[in-house]
Amino acid sequence: GRRHRFPTSRLRTAVHARDHGTCQYPGCDHTRWLNIHHLTGWANGGHTDLDNLTLLCGTHHRHLHDEGIVLRRTPDGTTTALLPDGRTLTPAPPVTPGEHPTTALADDTEHVAPDAVTTRNGGRLNLGESLFVLLQNHPAA
């Protein structure tokens, strides 16, 4: 409730358990350096209870406060981020490529126009070259 600004150890444990010890900012999967954040700020009348608290990594916690980003939890428990420019960020669905990952990727991204992503000089993004650069210093799985 409103009696304490900071959560008790039992409440912290409950938040960690509910959020699976992972940052709840859409698209983030950090599990270290986590902070507990009030969805409705304490100064704005927010309560210190399980429904109003969530885990955030330090980077996203700073971004929320510095850039005016607002987090909301949907009825199904998904956390969304409302950006100052009016956009809403939602978590991406899990990737389950199945037996044919390239076909699954092509099917899932067919709505993206070929010129939707460009390079610094305005040219088209080359997926093959991009994957090569991203994977060149990683050992084979």
C-alpha atoms as a PDB file:
ATOM      1  CA  GLY A   1       0.000   0.000   0.000  1.00  0.00           C
ATOM      2  CA  ARG A   2       1.065   3.549   0.779  1.00  0.00           C
ATOM      3  CA  ARG A   3       2.735   2.840   4.122  1.00  0.00           C
ATOM      4  CA  HIS A   4       6.157   2.065   2.616  1.00  0.00           C
ATOM      5  CA  ARG A   5       7.797   3.331  -0.565  1.00  0.00           C
ATOM      6  CA  PHE A   6      10.257   0.453  -0.799  1.00  0.00           C
ATOM      7  CA  PRO A   7       9.008  -3.146  -1.002  1.00  0.00           C
ATOM      8  CA  THR A   8       9.588  -5.579   1.830  1.00  0.00           C
ATOM      9  CA  SER A   9      11.849  -8.572   1.241  1.00  0.00           C
ATOM     10  CA  ARG A  10       8.785 -10.833   0.823  1.00  0.00           C
ATOM     11  CA  LEU A  11       7.313  -8.488  -1.767  1.00  0.00           C
ATOM     12  CA  ARG A  12      10.660  -8.293  -3.607  1.00  0.00           C
ATOM     13  CA  THR A  13      10.760 -12.094  -3.704  1.00  0.00           C
ATOM     14  CA  ALA A  14       7.205 -12.186  -5.088  1.00  0.00           C
ATOM     15  CA  VAL A  15       8.054  -9.644  -7.831  1.00  0.00           C
ATOM     16  CA  HIS A  16      11.158 -11.635  -8.802  1.00  0.00           C
ATOM     17  CA  ALA A  17       9.141 -14.858  -8.919  1.00  0.00           C
ATOM     18  CA  ARG A  18       6.310 -13.380 -10.988  1.00  0.00           C
ATOM     19  CA  ASP A  19       8.711 -11.703 -13.460  1.00  0.00           C
ATOM     20  CA  HIS A  20      10.971 -14.793 -13.629  1.00  0.00           C
ATOM     21  CA  GLY A  21      13.970 -12.706 -12.550  1.00  0.00           C
ATOM     22  CA  THR A  22      14.028 -10.942 -15.935  1.00  0.00           C
ATOM     23  CA  CYS A  23      13.740  -7.300 -17.017  1.00  0.00           C
ATOM     24  CA  GLN A  24      10.148  -6.672 -18.099  1.00  0.00           C
ATOM     25  CA  TYR A  25      10.909  -3.934 -20.646  1.00  0.00           C
ATOM     26  CA  PRO A  26       9.610  -5.195 -24.013  1.00  0.00           C
ATOM     27  CA  GLY A  27      12.357  -7.081 -25.819  1.00  0.00           C
ATOM     28  CA  CYS A  28      14.837  -7.136 -22.931  1.00  0.00           C
ATOM     29  CA  ASP A  29      15.980 -10.388 -21.350  1.00  0.00           C
ATOM     30  CA  HIS A  30      18.537  -9.125 -18.840  1.00  0.00           C
ATOM     31  CA  THR A  31      18.665 -11.038 -15.581  1.00  0.00           C
ATOM     32  CA  ARG A  32      21.322  -9.031 -13.736  1.00  0.00           C
ATOM     33  CA  TRP A  33      21.376  -5.576 -12.132  1.00  0.00           C
ATOM     34  CA  LEU A  34      17.606  -5.501 -11.796  1.00  0.00           C
ATOM     35  CA  ASN A  35      15.622  -2.785 -10.016  1.00  0.00           C
ATOM     36  CA  ILE A  36      12.053  -2.861  -8.794  1.00  0.00           C
ATOM     37  CA  HIS A  37      10.012  -0.118 -10.447  1.00  0.00           C
ATOM     38  CA  HIS A  38       6.583   1.327  -9.571  1.00  0.00           C
ATOM     39  CA  LEU A  39       4.341   1.287 -12.665  1.00  0.00           C
ATOM     40  CA  THR A  40       2.412   4.198 -11.170  1.00  0.00           C
ATOM     41  CA  GLY A  41       5.041   6.279  -9.410  1.00  0.00           C
ATOM     42  CA  TRP A  42       5.057   6.563  -5.637  1.00  0.00           C
ATOM     43  CA  ALA A  43       4.998  10.363  -5.930  1.00  0.00           C
ATOM     44  CA  ASN A  44       1.886  10.071  -8.124  1.00  0.00           C
ATOM     45  CA  GLY A  45      -0.038   8.032  -5.553  1.00  0.00           C
ATOM     46  CA  GLY A  46       1.133   4.606  -6.691  1.00  0.00           C
ATOM     47  CA  HIS A  47       1.034   1.771  -4.200  1.00  0.00           C
ATOM     48  CA  THR A  48       3.844  -0.528  -3.203  1.00  0.00           C
ATOM     49  CA  ASP A  49       2.078  -3.780  -3.989  1.00  0.00           C
ATOM     50  CA  LEU A  50       2.639  -6.685  -6.348  1.00  0.00           C
ATOM     51  CA  ASP A  51       0.302  -5.348  -9.058  1.00  0.00           C
ATOM     52  CA  ASN A  52       2.131  -2.004  -9.251  1.00  0.00           C
ATOM     53  CA  LEU A  53       5.725  -3.279  -9.201  1.00  0.00           C
ATOM     54  CA  THR A  54       7.890  -4.776 -11.925  1.00  0.00           C
ATOM     55  CA  LEU A  55      11.529  -5.689 -12.574  1.00  0.00           C
ATOM     56  CA  LEU A  56      13.704  -3.562 -14.849  1.00  0.00           C
ATOM     57  CA  CYS A  57      17.388  -3.688 -15.672  1.00  0.00           C
ATOM     58  CA  GLY A  58      19.330  -0.576 -14.689  1.00  0.00           C
ATOM     59  CA  THR A  59      19.540   0.698 -18.267  1.00  0.00           C
ATOM     60  CA  HIS A  60      15.798   0.547 -18.907  1.00  0.00           C
ATOM     61  CA  HIS A  61      15.015   1.911 -15.442  1.00  0.00           C
ATOM     62  CA  ARG A  62      17.130   5.012 -16.223  1.00  0.00           C
ATOM     63  CA  HIS A  63      15.517   5.369 -19.678  1.00  0.00           C
ATOM     64  CA  LEU A  64      12.043   5.329 -18.155  1.00  0.00           C
ATOM     65  CA  HIS A  65      12.844   8.142 -15.767  1.00  0.00           C
ATOM     66  CA  ASP A  66      15.058  10.183 -18.121  1.00  0.00           C
ATOM     67  CA  GLU A  67      12.998   9.921 -21.301  1.00  0.00           C
ATOM     68  CA  GLY A  68       9.428   9.906 -20.004  1.00  0.00           C
ATOM     69  CA  ILE A  69       8.617   6.337 -21.011  1.00  0.00           C
ATOM     70  CA  VAL A  70       5.598   4.830 -19.244  1.00  0.00           C
ATOM     71  CA  LEU A  71       5.169   1.114 -18.595  1.00  0.00           C
ATOM     72  CA  ARG A  72       1.756  -0.529 -18.394  1.00  0.00           C
ATOM     73  CA  ARG A  73       0.782  -4.122 -17.627  1.00  0.00           C
ATOM     74  CA  THR A  74      -2.028  -5.541 -19.747  1.00  0.00           C
ATOM     75  CA  PRO A  75      -4.698  -7.811 -18.245  1.00  0.00           C
ATOM     76  CA  ASP A  76      -2.810 -10.880 -19.538  1.00  0.00           C
ATOM     77  CA  GLY A  77       0.330  -9.770 -17.650  1.00  0.00           C
ATOM     78  CA  THR A  78       2.282  -8.466 -20.653  1.00  0.00           C
ATOM     79  CA  THR A  79       4.260  -5.285 -20.055  1.00  0.00           C
ATOM     80  CA  THR A  80       4.105  -2.600 -22.746  1.00  0.00           C
ATOM     81  CA  ALA A  81       6.106   0.619 -23.036  1.00  0.00           C
ATOM     82  CA  LEU A  82       4.420   3.871 -24.074  1.00  0.00           C
ATOM     83  CA  LEU A  83       7.002   6.150 -25.686  1.00  0.00           C
ATOM     84  CA  PRO A  84       6.772   9.968 -25.545  1.00  0.00           C
ATOM     85  CA  ASP A  85       6.170  10.132 -29.322  1.00  0.00           C
ATOM     86  CA  GLY A  86       2.999   8.025 -28.966  1.00  0.00           C
ATOM     87  CA  ARG A  87       4.388   4.673 -30.097  1.00  0.00           C
ATOM     88  CA  THR A  88       3.743   1.541 -28.026  1.00  0.00           C
ATOM     89  CA  LEU A  89       6.376  -1.180 -27.687  1.00  0.00           C
ATOM     90  CA  THR A  90       5.164  -4.700 -27.056  1.00  0.00           C
ATOM     91  CA  PRO A  91       7.230  -7.849 -26.545  1.00  0.00           C
ATOM     92  CA  ALA A  92       7.890  -9.878 -29.668  1.00  0.00           C
ATOM     93  CA  PRO A  93       6.354 -13.342 -29.763  1.00  0.00           C
ATOM     94  CA  PRO A  94       8.761 -16.210 -29.117  1.00  0.00           C
ATOM     95  CA  VAL A  95      10.591 -17.522 -32.137  1.00  0.00           C
ATOM     96  CA  THR A  96       9.750 -21.121 -32.976  1.00  0.00           C
ATOM     97  CA  PRO A  97      11.330 -21.752 -36.371  1.00  0.00           C
ATOM     98  CA  GLY A  98      10.493 -25.446 -36.592  1.00  0.00           C
ATOM     99  CA  GLU A  99      12.068 -27.675 -39.198  1.00  0.00           C
ATOM    100  CA  HIS A 100      12.525 -24.980 -41.867  1.00  0.00           C
ATOM    101  CA  PRO A 101      13.764 -21.789 -40.161  1.00  0.00           C
ATOM    102  CA  THR A 102      14.435 -19.829 -43.376  1.00  0.00           C
ATOM    103  CA  THR A 103      10.915 -20.491 -44.644  1.00  0.00           C
ATOM    104  CA  ALA A 104       9.467 -19.523 -41.254  1.00  0.00           C
ATOM    105  CA  LEU A 105      11.486 -16.272 -41.256  1.00  0.00           C
ATOM    106  CA  ALA A 106      10.395 -15.452 -44.807  1.00  0.00           C
ATOM    107  CA  ASP A 107       6.741 -16.120 -43.956  1.00  0.00           C
ATOM    108  CA  ASP A 108       6.885 -14.047 -40.763  1.00  0.00           C
ATOM    109  CA  THR A 109       8.515 -11.068 -42.470  1.00  0.00           C
ATOM    110  CA  GLU A 110       6.764 -11.042 -45.846  1.00  0.00           C
ATOM    111  CA  HIS A 111       4.828  -7.915 -44.828  1.00  0.00           C
ATOM    112  CA  VAL A 112       8.082  -5.915 -44.528  1.00  0.00           C
ATOM    113  CA  ALA A 113       8.861  -3.937 -47.672  1.00  0.00           C
ATOM    114  CA  PRO A 114      12.265  -4.657 -49.270  1.00  0.00           C
ATOM    115  CA  ASP A 115      13.363  -1.053 -48.700  1.00  0.00           C
ATOM    116  CA  ALA A 116      12.054  -0.809 -45.111  1.00  0.00           C
ATOM    117  CA  VAL A 117      15.545  -1.094 -43.647  1.00  0.00           C
ATOM    118  CA  THR A 118      18.370   0.851 -45.246  1.00  0.00           C
ATOM    119  CA  THR A 119      22.080   1.247 -44.662  1.00  0.00           C
ATOM    120  CA  ARG A 120      23.883   4.458 -43.727  1.00  0.00           C
ATOM    121  CA  ASN A 121      24.292   5.430 -47.374  1.00  0.00           C
ATOM    122  CA  GLY A 122      20.631   4.722 -48.170  1.00  0.00           C
ATOM    123  CA  GLY A 123      21.150   1.351 -49.837  1.00  0.00           C
ATOM    124  CA  ARG A 124      19.243  -1.849 -49.117  1.00  0.00           C
ATOM    125  CA  LEU A 125      20.176  -4.013 -46.167  1.00  0.00           C
ATOM    126  CA  ASN A 126      21.887  -7.233 -47.220  1.00  0.00           C
ATOM    127  CA  LEU A 127      20.718  -9.946 -44.825  1.00  0.00           C
ATOM    128  CA  GLY A 128      23.536 -12.348 -45.692  1.00  0.00           C
ATOM    129  CA  GLU A 129      26.260  -9.769 -45.059  1.00  0.00           C
ATOM    130  CA  SER A 130      24.550  -8.615 -41.872  1.00  0.00           C
ATOM    131  CA  LEU A 131      24.380 -12.156 -40.488  1.00  0.00           C
ATOM    132  CA  PHE A 132      28.028 -12.730 -41.433  1.00  0.00           C
ATOM    133  CA  VAL A 133      29.108  -9.649 -39.467  1.00  0.00           C
ATOM    134  CA  LEU A 134      26.954 -10.550 -36.465  1.00  0.00           C
ATOM    135  CA  LEU A 135      28.152 -14.157 -36.321  1.00  0.00           C
ATOM    136  CA  GLN A 136      31.799 -13.897 -37.389  1.00  0.00           C
ATOM    137  CA  ASN A 137      33.239 -13.749 -33.855  1.00  0.00           C
ATOM    138  CA  HIS A 138      30.906 -16.309 -32.303  1.00  0.00           C
ATOM    139  CA  PRO A 139      31.811 -19.988 -32.010  1.00  0.00           C
ATOM    140  CA  ALA A 140      29.531 -22.381 -33.865  1.00  0.00           C
ATOM    141  CA  ALA A 141      26.628 -23.628 -31.789  1.00  0.00           C
END
